[in-house]
Protein backbone atom coordinates (compact mmCIF):
# COMPACT_ATOMS: atom_id res chain seq x y z
CA UNK A 1 0.00 0.00 0.00
CA UNK A 2 1.15 3.55 -0.70
CA UNK A 3 0.51 6.35 1.76
CA UNK A 4 0.56 9.82 0.29
CA UNK A 5 -0.20 13.34 1.41
CA UNK A 6 -1.42 14.17 -2.05
CA UNK A 7 -2.60 12.33 -5.14
CA UNK A 8 -1.63 12.45 -8.77
CA UNK A 9 1.80 13.03 -10.27
CA UNK A 10 4.49 14.13 -7.81
CA UNK A 11 5.02 17.85 -7.93
CA UNK A 12 8.31 19.57 -8.68
CA UNK A 13 10.81 19.37 -5.85
CA UNK A 14 9.83 15.87 -4.72
CA UNK A 15 12.96 13.81 -4.03
CA UNK A 16 13.30 10.11 -3.39
CA UNK A 17 15.21 8.49 -0.56
CA UNK A 18 16.32 5.02 -1.54
CA UNK A 19 16.95 2.00 0.65
CA UNK A 20 20.71 2.11 1.35
CA UNK A 21 23.03 -0.80 1.95
CA UNK A 22 23.55 -0.32 5.69
CA UNK A 23 26.05 -3.16 5.97
CA UNK A 24 28.52 -4.66 3.52
CA UNK A 25 26.95 -6.23 0.48
CA UNK A 26 23.41 -6.47 1.83
CA UNK A 27 20.76 -6.63 -0.88
CA UNK A 28 17.53 -6.14 1.06
CA UNK A 29 16.04 -4.93 4.33
CA UNK A 30 12.67 -5.13 6.03
CA UNK A 31 10.94 -1.92 7.11
CA UNK A 32 10.15 -2.44 10.79
CA UNK A 33 8.73 0.94 11.72
CA UNK A 34 8.05 4.34 10.21
CA UNK A 35 8.76 7.33 12.45
CA UNK A 36 7.15 9.83 10.08
CA UNK A 37 3.90 10.09 8.13
CA UNK A 38 2.87 11.96 4.98
CA UNK A 39 2.65 15.66 5.74
CA UNK A 40 5.34 15.60 8.45
CA UNK A 41 8.32 17.91 8.21
CA UNK A 42 11.75 16.25 8.20
CA UNK A 43 15.20 17.73 8.58
CA UNK A 44 18.65 16.65 7.41
CA UNK A 45 19.83 13.78 9.64
CA UNK A 46 16.40 12.99 11.11
CA UNK A 47 15.67 9.27 11.56
CA UNK A 48 12.65 8.39 9.42
CA UNK A 49 12.42 4.63 9.83
CA UNK A 50 13.90 1.51 11.36
CA UNK A 51 14.85 -1.41 9.14
CA UNK A 52 16.07 -4.93 9.80
CA UNK A 53 18.78 -6.48 7.66
CA UNK A 54 20.36 -9.91 7.79
CA UNK A 55 22.72 -8.46 10.39
CA UNK A 56 20.85 -6.12 12.68
CA UNK A 57 18.09 -3.57 13.13
CA UNK A 58 19.24 -0.05 12.25
CA UNK A 59 17.69 3.39 12.00
CA UNK A 60 17.88 5.37 8.77
CA UNK A 61 18.40 9.15 8.78
CA UNK A 62 17.30 11.15 5.75
CA UNK A 63 19.90 13.44 4.14
CA UNK A 64 17.74 16.43 3.22
CA UNK A 65 15.01 18.74 4.52
CA UNK A 66 11.42 18.88 3.39
CA UNK A 67 7.83 17.72 3.74
CA UNK A 68 7.05 13.99 3.62
CA UNK A 69 5.16 13.40 0.39
CA UNK A 70 4.76 9.62 0.28
CA UNK A 71 5.70 6.42 2.09
CA UNK A 72 6.24 3.85 -0.63
CA UNK A 73 6.00 0.71 1.51
CA UNK A 74 4.13 -0.51 4.57
CA UNK A 75 5.81 -1.69 7.75
CA UNK A 76 6.80 -5.35 7.48
CA UNK A 77 7.68 -5.10 3.79
CA UNK A 78 11.07 -6.37 2.57
CA UNK A 79 12.62 -3.91 0.10
CA UNK A 80 15.63 -4.33 -2.20
CA UNK A 81 18.59 -2.00 -1.74
CA UNK A 82 18.34 0.95 -4.12
CA UNK A 83 14.53 1.01 -4.17
CA UNK A 84 12.90 4.37 -3.27
CA UNK A 85 11.10 4.01 0.05
CA UNK A 86 10.01 7.58 0.80
CA UNK A 87 9.56 10.81 -1.18
CA UNK A 88 10.03 14.26 0.29
CA UNK A 89 8.94 17.62 -1.12
CA UNK A 90 12.04 19.75 -0.72
CA UNK A 91 10.56 22.78 -2.47
CA UNK A 92 13.31 22.72 -5.11
CA UNK A 93 13.43 21.56 -8.72
CA UNK A 94 12.21 18.03 -9.40
CA UNK A 95 14.87 15.39 -10.04
CA UNK A 96 12.94 12.16 -10.32
CA UNK A 97 15.89 10.24 -8.88
CA UNK A 98 16.27 11.55 -5.40
CA UNK A 99 19.64 12.96 -6.27
CA UNK A 100 18.75 16.59 -6.83
CA UNK A 101 21.30 19.35 -6.97
CA UNK A 102 24.53 18.00 -5.54
CA UNK A 103 25.11 21.17 -3.59
CA UNK A 104 21.70 20.92 -1.96
CA UNK A 105 22.22 17.56 -0.32
CA UNK A 106 24.18 17.69 2.90
CA UNK A 107 25.77 14.80 4.80
CA UNK A 108 23.51 13.32 7.45
CA UNK A 109 24.10 14.17 11.08
CA UNK A 110 25.75 11.41 13.09
CA UNK A 111 22.54 10.19 14.62
CA UNK A 112 22.09 6.92 12.77
CA UNK A 113 23.71 3.47 13.05
CA UNK A 114 27.44 3.15 13.44
CA UNK A 115 27.85 0.99 10.36
CA UNK A 116 26.20 2.96 7.56
CA UNK A 117 26.60 2.80 3.83
CA UNK A 118 28.29 5.47 1.74
CA UNK A 119 25.60 5.50 -0.88
CA UNK A 120 22.57 3.58 -2.08
CA UNK A 121 21.19 2.11 -5.26
CA UNK A 122 22.63 3.26 -8.57
CA UNK A 123 25.55 5.08 -6.97
CA UNK A 124 26.77 1.73 -5.68
CA UNK A 125 26.39 0.16 -9.11
CA UNK A 126 28.20 3.07 -10.76
CA UNK A 127 31.09 2.81 -8.34
CA UNK A 128 31.33 -0.98 -8.64
CA UNK A 129 31.16 -0.85 -12.40
CA UNK A 130 33.83 1.81 -12.66
CA UNK A 131 31.36 4.23 -14.22
CA UNK A 132 30.88 7.87 -13.41
CA UNK A 133 27.68 8.76 -11.65
CA UNK A 134 25.55 11.41 -13.28
CA UNK A 135 25.89 14.87 -11.74
CA UNK A 136 22.33 14.83 -10.49
CA UNK A 137 22.50 11.24 -9.27
CA UNK A 138 23.78 11.87 -5.80
CA UNK A 139 22.26 9.34 -3.43
CA UNK A 140 21.23 9.64 0.19
CA UNK A 141 24.16 9.69 2.56
CA UNK A 142 24.15 8.15 6.03
CA UNK A 143 26.06 8.46 9.26
CA UNK A 144 29.30 10.33 9.17
CA UNK A 145 29.67 9.86 5.41
CA UNK A 146 29.32 12.79 3.11
CA UNK A 147 30.02 13.71 -0.46
CA UNK A 148 31.40 17.19 -0.88
CA UNK A 149 29.28 19.73 -2.70
CA UNK A 150 31.70 19.71 -5.60
CA UNK A 151 31.77 15.93 -5.85
CA UNK A 152 29.36 15.42 -8.71
CA UNK A 153 31.13 12.39 -10.18
CA UNK A 154 32.37 9.17 -8.66
CA UNK A 155 35.46 7.55 -10.08
CA UNK A 156 36.60 3.99 -9.58
CA UNK A 157 39.09 3.42 -6.82
CA UNK A 158 42.55 2.34 -7.94
CA UNK A 159 45.14 0.21 -6.15
CA UNK A 160 47.40 2.18 -3.85
CA UNK A 161 51.04 2.40 -4.78
CA UNK A 162 53.06 -0.34 -3.17
CA UNK A 163 50.01 -2.35 -2.24
CA UNK A 164 51.02 -5.16 -4.56
CA UNK A 165 54.15 -5.74 -2.55
CA UNK A 166 52.16 -5.81 0.64
CA UNK A 167 49.75 -8.47 -0.57
CA UNK A 168 52.18 -10.57 -2.62
CA UNK A 169 52.70 -14.11 -1.31
CA UNK A 170 55.58 -14.36 1.10
CA UNK A 171 58.34 -16.78 0.18
CA UNK A 172 58.27 -18.31 3.64
CA UNK A 173 55.99 -21.24 4.40
CA UNK A 174 53.91 -19.13 6.75
CA UNK A 175 52.39 -15.82 5.66
CA UNK A 176 52.05 -13.06 8.25
CA UNK A 177 49.11 -10.71 7.78
CA UNK A 178 49.76 -6.99 8.13
CA UNK A 179 48.19 -5.47 11.23
CA UNK A 180 46.23 -2.90 9.21
CA UNK A 181 44.16 -3.55 6.06
CA UNK A 182 45.40 -2.25 2.73
CA UNK A 183 43.49 0.85 1.61
CA UNK A 184 42.64 -0.55 -1.83
CA UNK A 185 42.68 -3.74 -3.90
CA UNK A 186 46.18 -5.02 -4.58
CA UNK A 187 47.81 -7.64 -6.73
CA UNK A 188 48.27 -11.08 -5.25
CA UNK A 189 51.15 -11.82 -7.51
CA UNK A 190 49.09 -13.71 -10.08
CA UNK A 191 47.62 -10.74 -11.91
CA UNK A 192 44.42 -10.67 -9.85
CA UNK A 193 43.68 -8.38 -6.95
CA UNK A 194 44.10 -9.77 -3.48
CA UNK A 195 41.00 -10.39 -1.33
CA UNK A 196 39.84 -7.42 0.73
CA UNK A 197 40.72 -7.48 4.39
CA UNK A 198 37.66 -7.74 6.70
CA UNK A 199 37.08 -4.37 8.27
CA UNK A 200 38.90 -2.63 5.41
CA UNK A 201 37.50 -0.86 2.34
CA UNK A 202 34.28 -2.32 1.07
CA UNK A 203 34.85 -4.82 -1.78
CA UNK A 204 33.86 -3.49 -5.20
CA UNK A 205 30.96 -5.42 -6.72
CA UNK A 206 27.76 -4.61 -8.55
CA UNK A 207 24.44 -5.23 -6.76
CA UNK A 208 23.63 -8.42 -8.76
CA UNK A 209 27.01 -9.83 -7.81
CA UNK A 210 26.44 -8.91 -4.17
CA UNK A 211 23.09 -10.69 -4.26
CA UNK A 212 24.68 -13.75 -5.83
CA UNK A 213 27.32 -13.77 -3.09
CA UNK A 214 24.64 -13.52 -0.44
CA UNK A 215 22.60 -16.35 -1.97
CA UNK A 216 25.68 -18.59 -2.14
CA UNK A 217 26.87 -17.59 1.33
CA UNK A 218 30.14 -16.14 0.07
CA UNK A 219 31.92 -13.38 2.02
CA UNK A 220 32.94 -10.79 -0.58
CA UNK A 221 35.80 -9.60 1.60
CA UNK A 222 37.46 -13.02 1.11
CA UNK A 223 37.03 -13.15 -2.67
CA UNK A 224 39.95 -12.38 -4.98
CA UNK A 225 38.62 -9.94 -7.62
CA UNK A 226 39.65 -10.40 -11.25
CA UNK A 227 37.58 -7.61 -12.83
CA UNK A 228 38.94 -4.22 -13.90
CA UNK A 229 39.98 -1.91 -11.05
CA UNK A 230 39.58 -4.71 -8.53
CA UNK A 231 35.88 -5.43 -9.15
CA UNK A 232 34.49 -8.75 -7.96
CA UNK A 233 32.76 -10.57 -10.84
CA UNK A 234 30.16 -13.33 -10.90
CA UNK A 235 32.87 -15.81 -11.89
CA UNK A 236 34.89 -14.77 -8.84
CA UNK A 237 31.93 -15.49 -6.57
CA UNK A 238 31.28 -18.86 -8.19
CA UNK A 239 34.96 -19.73 -7.86
CA UNK A 240 34.87 -18.88 -4.16
CA UNK A 241 31.67 -20.87 -3.69
CA UNK A 242 32.98 -23.92 -5.56
CA UNK A 243 35.03 -25.18 -2.60
CA UNK A 244 32.01 -24.31 -0.43
CA UNK A 245 33.88 -21.59 1.38
CA UNK A 246 30.86 -19.87 2.85
CA UNK A 247 30.19 -17.01 5.17
CA UNK A 248 27.10 -15.09 6.20
CA UNK A 249 27.21 -12.16 3.81
CA UNK A 250 30.27 -10.47 5.06
CA UNK A 251 29.14 -10.97 8.49
CA UNK A 252 30.23 -12.73 10.52
CA UNK A 253 27.08 -13.35 11.80
CA UNK A 254 24.84 -15.80 13.50
CA UNK A 255 26.44 -18.86 14.93
CA UNK A 256 25.97 -22.18 16.53
CA UNK A 257 23.25 -23.54 18.71
CA UNK A 258 20.44 -21.48 20.14
CA UNK A 259 22.40 -20.12 23.06
CA UNK A 260 23.00 -16.78 24.63
CA UNK A 261 24.97 -14.78 27.12
CA UNK A 262 21.79 -14.89 29.13
CA UNK A 263 18.12 -15.31 28.21
CA UNK A 264 16.60 -12.48 26.21
CA UNK A 265 12.83 -12.18 26.16
CA UNK A 266 11.35 -13.50 22.94
CA UNK A 267 8.68 -11.59 21.08
CA UNK A 268 5.28 -13.21 21.67
CA UNK A 269 4.28 -15.32 18.64
CA UNK A 270 1.07 -14.50 16.89
CA UNK A 271 -1.75 -16.76 18.11
CA UNK A 272 -2.80 -19.48 15.70
CA UNK A 273 -6.20 -19.22 14.08
CA UNK A 274 -8.90 -21.33 15.78
CA UNK A 275 -8.73 -24.88 14.49
CA UNK A 276 -5.47 -24.30 12.62
CA UNK A 277 -3.18 -27.32 12.39
CA UNK A 278 -0.18 -25.45 11.05
CA UNK A 279 1.37 -22.01 11.21
CA UNK A 280 3.78 -20.78 8.54
CA UNK A 281 6.39 -18.22 9.57
CA UNK A 282 8.36 -16.36 6.88
CA UNK A 283 12.11 -16.81 7.29
CA UNK A 284 13.87 -13.49 6.79
CA UNK A 285 16.33 -11.07 8.31
CA UNK A 286 18.60 -12.45 11.01
CA UNK A 287 16.95 -15.87 11.07
CA UNK A 288 17.41 -16.29 7.32
CA UNK A 289 21.07 -15.33 7.57
CA UNK A 290 21.52 -17.74 10.49
CA UNK A 291 20.10 -20.63 8.49
CA UNK A 292 22.29 -19.89 5.48
CA UNK A 293 25.40 -19.48 7.60
CA UNK A 294 24.86 -22.68 9.58
CA UNK A 295 24.20 -24.81 6.50
CA UNK A 296 27.30 -23.39 4.85
CA UNK A 297 29.46 -23.93 7.92
CA UNK A 298 28.21 -27.45 8.66
CA UNK A 299 28.92 -28.65 5.11
CA UNK A 300 32.19 -26.74 4.64
CA UNK A 301 34.30 -27.16 7.74
CA UNK A 302 34.84 -30.70 9.07
CA UNK A 303 33.60 -30.31 12.63
CA UNK A 304 35.10 -32.14 15.60
CA UNK A 305 33.69 -31.69 19.11
CA UNK A 306 35.43 -32.65 22.33
CA UNK A 307 34.05 -32.54 25.88
CA UNK A 308 35.42 -32.16 29.39
CA UNK A 309 33.68 -32.03 32.76
CA UNK A 310 35.41 -29.84 35.30
CA UNK A 311 35.14 -28.90 38.99
CA UNK A 312 34.62 -25.11 39.06
CA UNK A 313 34.08 -24.73 42.80
CA UNK A 314 37.12 -22.47 43.19
CA UNK A 315 36.00 -20.35 40.25
CA UNK A 316 32.58 -19.83 41.85
CA UNK A 317 34.28 -18.71 45.07
CA UNK A 318 36.45 -16.29 43.10
CA UNK A 319 33.38 -14.82 41.42
CA UNK A 320 31.90 -14.10 44.84
CA UNK A 321 35.11 -12.29 45.83
CA UNK A 322 35.28 -10.31 42.59
CA UNK A 323 31.74 -9.05 43.11
CA UNK A 324 33.00 -7.32 46.25
CA UNK A 325 36.05 -5.85 44.49
CA UNK A 326 35.75 -2.03 44.16
CA UNK A 327 37.70 -2.14 40.87
CA UNK A 328 34.76 -4.04 39.37
CA UNK A 329 32.05 -1.84 40.82
CA UNK A 330 29.33 -1.13 38.28
CA UNK A 331 30.05 -4.11 36.04
CA UNK A 332 28.48 -7.52 36.16
CA UNK A 333 30.71 -10.37 37.28
CA UNK A 334 29.42 -13.82 36.35
CA UNK A 335 30.79 -17.25 35.40
CA UNK A 336 30.83 -16.32 31.70
CA UNK A 337 33.44 -13.64 32.46
CA UNK A 338 35.83 -16.19 33.95
CA UNK A 339 35.14 -18.70 31.18
CA UNK A 340 35.97 -16.03 28.60
CA UNK A 341 39.17 -15.14 30.44
CA UNK A 342 40.19 -18.79 30.70
CA UNK A 343 39.48 -19.36 26.99
CA UNK A 344 41.56 -16.33 26.02
CA UNK A 345 44.44 -17.59 28.14
CA UNK A 346 44.21 -21.03 26.52
CA UNK A 347 44.36 -19.37 23.09
CA UNK A 348 47.43 -17.39 24.14
CA UNK A 349 49.13 -20.64 25.14
CA UNK A 350 48.03 -22.34 21.92
CA UNK A 351 47.97 -19.54 19.30
CA UNK A 352 47.66 -21.91 16.32
CA UNK A 353 43.99 -22.45 17.18
CA UNK A 354 43.17 -18.82 16.37
CA UNK A 355 43.18 -19.03 12.59
CA UNK A 356 41.11 -19.26 9.43
CA UNK A 357 41.25 -21.40 6.29
CA UNK A 358 42.09 -19.82 2.91
CA UNK A 359 40.68 -22.28 0.40
CA UNK A 360 41.92 -20.46 -2.70
CA UNK A 361 45.55 -20.31 -1.66
CA UNK A 362 45.40 -23.48 0.44
CA UNK A 363 46.81 -21.62 3.42
CA UNK A 364 46.09 -21.34 7.11
CA UNK A 365 45.86 -17.68 8.13
CA UNK A 366 46.90 -17.31 11.74
CA UNK A 367 45.35 -14.34 13.56
CA UNK A 368 47.46 -12.34 15.98
CA UNK A 369 44.38 -10.88 17.62
CA UNK A 370 41.27 -12.42 19.18
CA UNK A 371 37.84 -11.01 18.34
CA UNK A 372 35.81 -13.00 20.86
CA UNK A 373 32.25 -13.70 19.74
CA UNK A 374 29.47 -14.19 22.28
CA UNK A 375 26.35 -15.92 20.94
CA UNK A 376 23.20 -14.06 21.98
CA UNK A 377 19.58 -15.12 21.48
CA UNK A 378 17.34 -12.16 20.67
CA UNK A 379 13.70 -11.83 19.56
CA UNK A 380 14.96 -11.39 16.00
CA UNK A 381 17.10 -14.53 16.14
CA UNK A 382 20.58 -15.59 17.12
CA UNK A 383 23.37 -13.06 16.66
CA UNK A 384 27.07 -13.21 17.48
CA UNK A 385 28.59 -9.82 18.25
CA UNK A 386 32.25 -9.93 19.17
CA UNK A 387 34.62 -8.13 21.49
CA UNK A 388 37.42 -6.66 19.39
CA UNK A 389 40.99 -7.38 20.51
CA UNK A 390 39.73 -9.22 23.58
CA UNK A 391 43.22 -10.59 24.25
CA UNK A 392 44.42 -7.13 25.31
CA UNK A 393 41.64 -6.36 27.79
CA UNK A 394 42.04 -6.44 31.54
CA UNK A 395 39.45 -8.29 33.60
CA UNK A 396 37.47 -5.09 34.37
CA UNK A 397 37.60 -4.10 30.69
CA UNK A 398 36.44 -7.55 29.61
CA UNK A 399 33.59 -7.43 32.16
CA UNK A 400 32.49 -4.01 30.86
CA UNK A 401 32.65 -5.19 27.24
CA UNK A 402 30.52 -8.25 28.02
CA UNK A 403 27.95 -6.13 29.84
CA UNK A 404 27.74 -3.66 26.97
CA UNK A 405 27.44 -6.47 24.45
CA UNK A 406 24.52 -8.06 26.32
CA UNK A 407 22.73 -4.75 26.83
CA UNK A 408 23.05 -3.75 23.19
CA UNK A 409 21.80 -7.15 22.02
CA UNK A 410 18.78 -6.95 24.31
CA UNK A 411 17.85 -3.57 22.85
CA UNK A 412 18.23 -4.92 19.32
CA UNK A 413 20.81 -2.23 18.54
CA UNK A 414 23.82 -4.40 17.75
CA UNK A 415 25.55 -2.89 14.72
CA UNK A 416 26.74 -4.91 11.71
CA UNK A 417 30.33 -3.89 12.53
CA UNK A 418 30.02 -5.50 15.96
CA UNK A 419 29.17 -8.81 14.31
CA UNK A 420 31.99 -8.74 11.76
CA UNK A 421 35.50 -10.13 12.01
CA UNK A 422 35.10 -12.68 14.79
CA UNK A 423 37.83 -15.30 15.24
CA UNK A 424 36.45 -17.63 17.96
CA UNK A 425 33.13 -17.78 19.81
CA UNK A 426 31.63 -18.77 23.18
CA UNK A 427 28.04 -19.98 23.36
CA UNK A 428 26.53 -20.14 26.83
CA UNK A 429 23.99 -22.97 26.75
CA UNK A 430 24.10 -23.24 30.53
CA UNK A 431 21.73 -20.31 31.02
CA UNK A 432 18.97 -22.54 29.63
CA UNK A 433 19.76 -25.37 32.06
CA UNK A 434 21.55 -27.37 29.37
CA UNK A 435 24.62 -29.41 30.30
CA UNK A 436 26.40 -29.07 26.96
CA UNK A 437 25.98 -29.21 23.18
CA UNK A 438 27.81 -29.69 19.88
CA UNK A 439 27.91 -26.12 18.53
CA UNK A 440 28.37 -25.33 14.85
CA UNK A 441 31.26 -23.04 13.96
CA UNK A 442 30.59 -19.45 13.08
CA UNK A 443 31.58 -19.20 9.37
CA UNK A 444 35.23 -18.26 8.93
CA UNK A 445 36.15 -19.07 12.54
CA UNK A 446 38.26 -21.93 13.84
CA UNK A 447 36.62 -22.83 17.16
CA UNK A 448 33.54 -22.37 19.32
CA UNK A 449 33.29 -23.19 23.03
CA UNK A 450 29.98 -24.30 24.54
CA UNK A 451 29.67 -23.52 28.25
CA UNK A 452 27.13 -25.72 30.07
CA UNK A 453 25.19 -25.17 33.26
CA UNK A 454 26.96 -25.17 36.61
CA UNK A 455 25.38 -27.59 39.05
CA UNK A 456 26.19 -29.16 42.40
CA UNK A 457 26.89 -32.88 42.24
CA UNK A 458 28.89 -35.54 44.10
CA UNK A 459 32.56 -35.28 43.13
CA UNK A 460 35.71 -36.96 44.35
CA UNK A 461 37.82 -34.21 45.89
CA UNK A 462 41.02 -34.99 47.82
CA UNK A 463 40.04 -38.64 48.08
CA UNK A 464 36.54 -37.99 49.43
CA UNK A 465 33.14 -37.67 47.78
CA UNK A 466 31.90 -34.14 48.34
CA UNK A 467 29.30 -31.84 46.77
CA UNK A 468 31.13 -29.64 44.26
CA UNK A 469 30.16 -27.17 41.54
CA UNK A 470 30.68 -28.87 38.19
CA UNK A 471 30.20 -27.86 34.56
CA UNK A 472 30.81 -29.40 31.14
CA UNK A 473 32.65 -27.62 28.34
CA UNK A 474 32.44 -28.62 24.67
CA UNK A 475 34.86 -27.33 22.04
CA UNK A 476 33.99 -27.63 18.34
CA UNK A 477 36.82 -26.89 15.92
CA UNK A 478 37.63 -26.97 12.21
CA UNK A 479 39.67 -30.13 11.69
CA UNK A 480 41.38 -28.60 8.64
CA UNK A 481 42.95 -26.03 10.95
CA UNK A 482 43.02 -27.76 14.30
CA UNK A 483 44.09 -31.35 14.83
CA UNK A 484 43.02 -33.44 17.79
CA UNK A 485 46.11 -32.65 19.83
CA UNK A 486 45.77 -28.88 19.49
CA UNK A 487 42.03 -28.93 20.13
CA UNK A 488 42.52 -31.11 23.20
CA UNK A 489 45.20 -28.78 24.60
CA UNK A 490 42.98 -25.73 24.21
CA UNK A 491 40.05 -27.43 25.91
CA UNK A 492 42.23 -28.89 28.68
CA UNK A 493 43.91 -25.54 29.36
CA UNK A 494 40.54 -23.78 29.56
CA UNK A 495 39.28 -26.40 32.01
CA UNK A 496 42.49 -26.26 34.07
CA UNK A 497 42.15 -22.51 34.60
CA UNK A 498 38.52 -22.86 35.70
CA UNK A 499 39.47 -25.67 38.07
CA UNK A 500 42.29 -23.61 39.61
CA UNK A 501 41.67 -19.93 38.75
CA UNK A 502 44.99 -18.89 40.32
CA UNK A 503 46.46 -20.00 37.00
CA UNK A 504 45.04 -16.81 35.56
CA UNK A 505 48.00 -15.14 37.25
CA UNK A 506 50.67 -17.84 37.08
CA UNK A 507 50.07 -18.68 33.39
CA UNK A 508 49.70 -15.13 32.08
């Protein structure tokens, strides 16, 4: 249905705001809520609607002033990126494209989501195709991104000088990744550009190619482009998908079993019609991405899961003491915090586990940082935001990061950037009263640790049977990257720290 403040042909000065790509390579989003109605006045940077992508729910600010003329879609409608969703009467000359006079459109105020797109629709296609955008084709701009008033054309990005040397294969058996991503596509030594580094510049690809990558579960940031000026082509995507090297549309997104940092209230399901024997629920947004990612991961990486049951009585006593520590005032101290700390220490002692598999080059890429994912169940589905550079955080910093992660997930405000670039994950099935599980790897990661419930049970301690606090840990890992010995050492070290938490000091 179309809502409009007036009927007939749009008058002069009516500009269109198109659905932007608010993540990396997303092709569609669902309109969750409109914050404006036809006839309302909007200003540059004002949030006009909330949309849900395969990564997160985000708010969209509009990049110009005017009077709302028409809402093109109802709430609950899924819209392709680049499709006009709202028209605004700006009182200026009509453009028909939403671009208008380049000097009239100003960058949006920084009031929207942290991970916003540069442009939407045709501007993206023009950039990916190496074509110049038409002077009047300037597209809506989101958070912190802005095109200067004189920037009426967009030119293709070119490889930075010296980048080829940076990305060329090292002669040594082991390749060391640079700590910072290259600013532009670079040669990999074979005539093709090297894959983009996650978190770096957005890979160049036309919208149809992005959609193909999404459908096949291919992470564009891992694809080696062969097109002109470093553009990813359809053949590149198919080549990356051939060895079933999948990822959840540049996300690093949903993972594993239905677990969470702690329970998050689910949205109440719609009641079934009287006498109904079935209810069909459309799969979209986060849940759709989860399904695609899990299928890809399960049939790509050879999973191995190992288990250990451990006495965590001393850890539970330490948690009680930490809750009284003034240095941790204001942050939540719980068993997950100590499990995360123990897991990070085990990774430090066994760094080979923190890696990813490069199918194209048949290489193991060892990571010298740990982006620790925490699986969180939300009303929109399972998401896995991660704590960046968790290995460098002190215990109070890690506690604060975990608390912020949980709070943001509960509010449904987790940004796409927060769910990108994870290296290992923890899934806390214990909060549901579950002893353990066999979690599926988050695509592109090497390991995931399932943390089961802590319960009192009879345990042999110092030669006597006593009631002790016990939990079970399960570690799933990619057997291409991690052999049984390495996986066993990581799991055993994690358990050893939880059994005797003083090792947090003696092993660090």
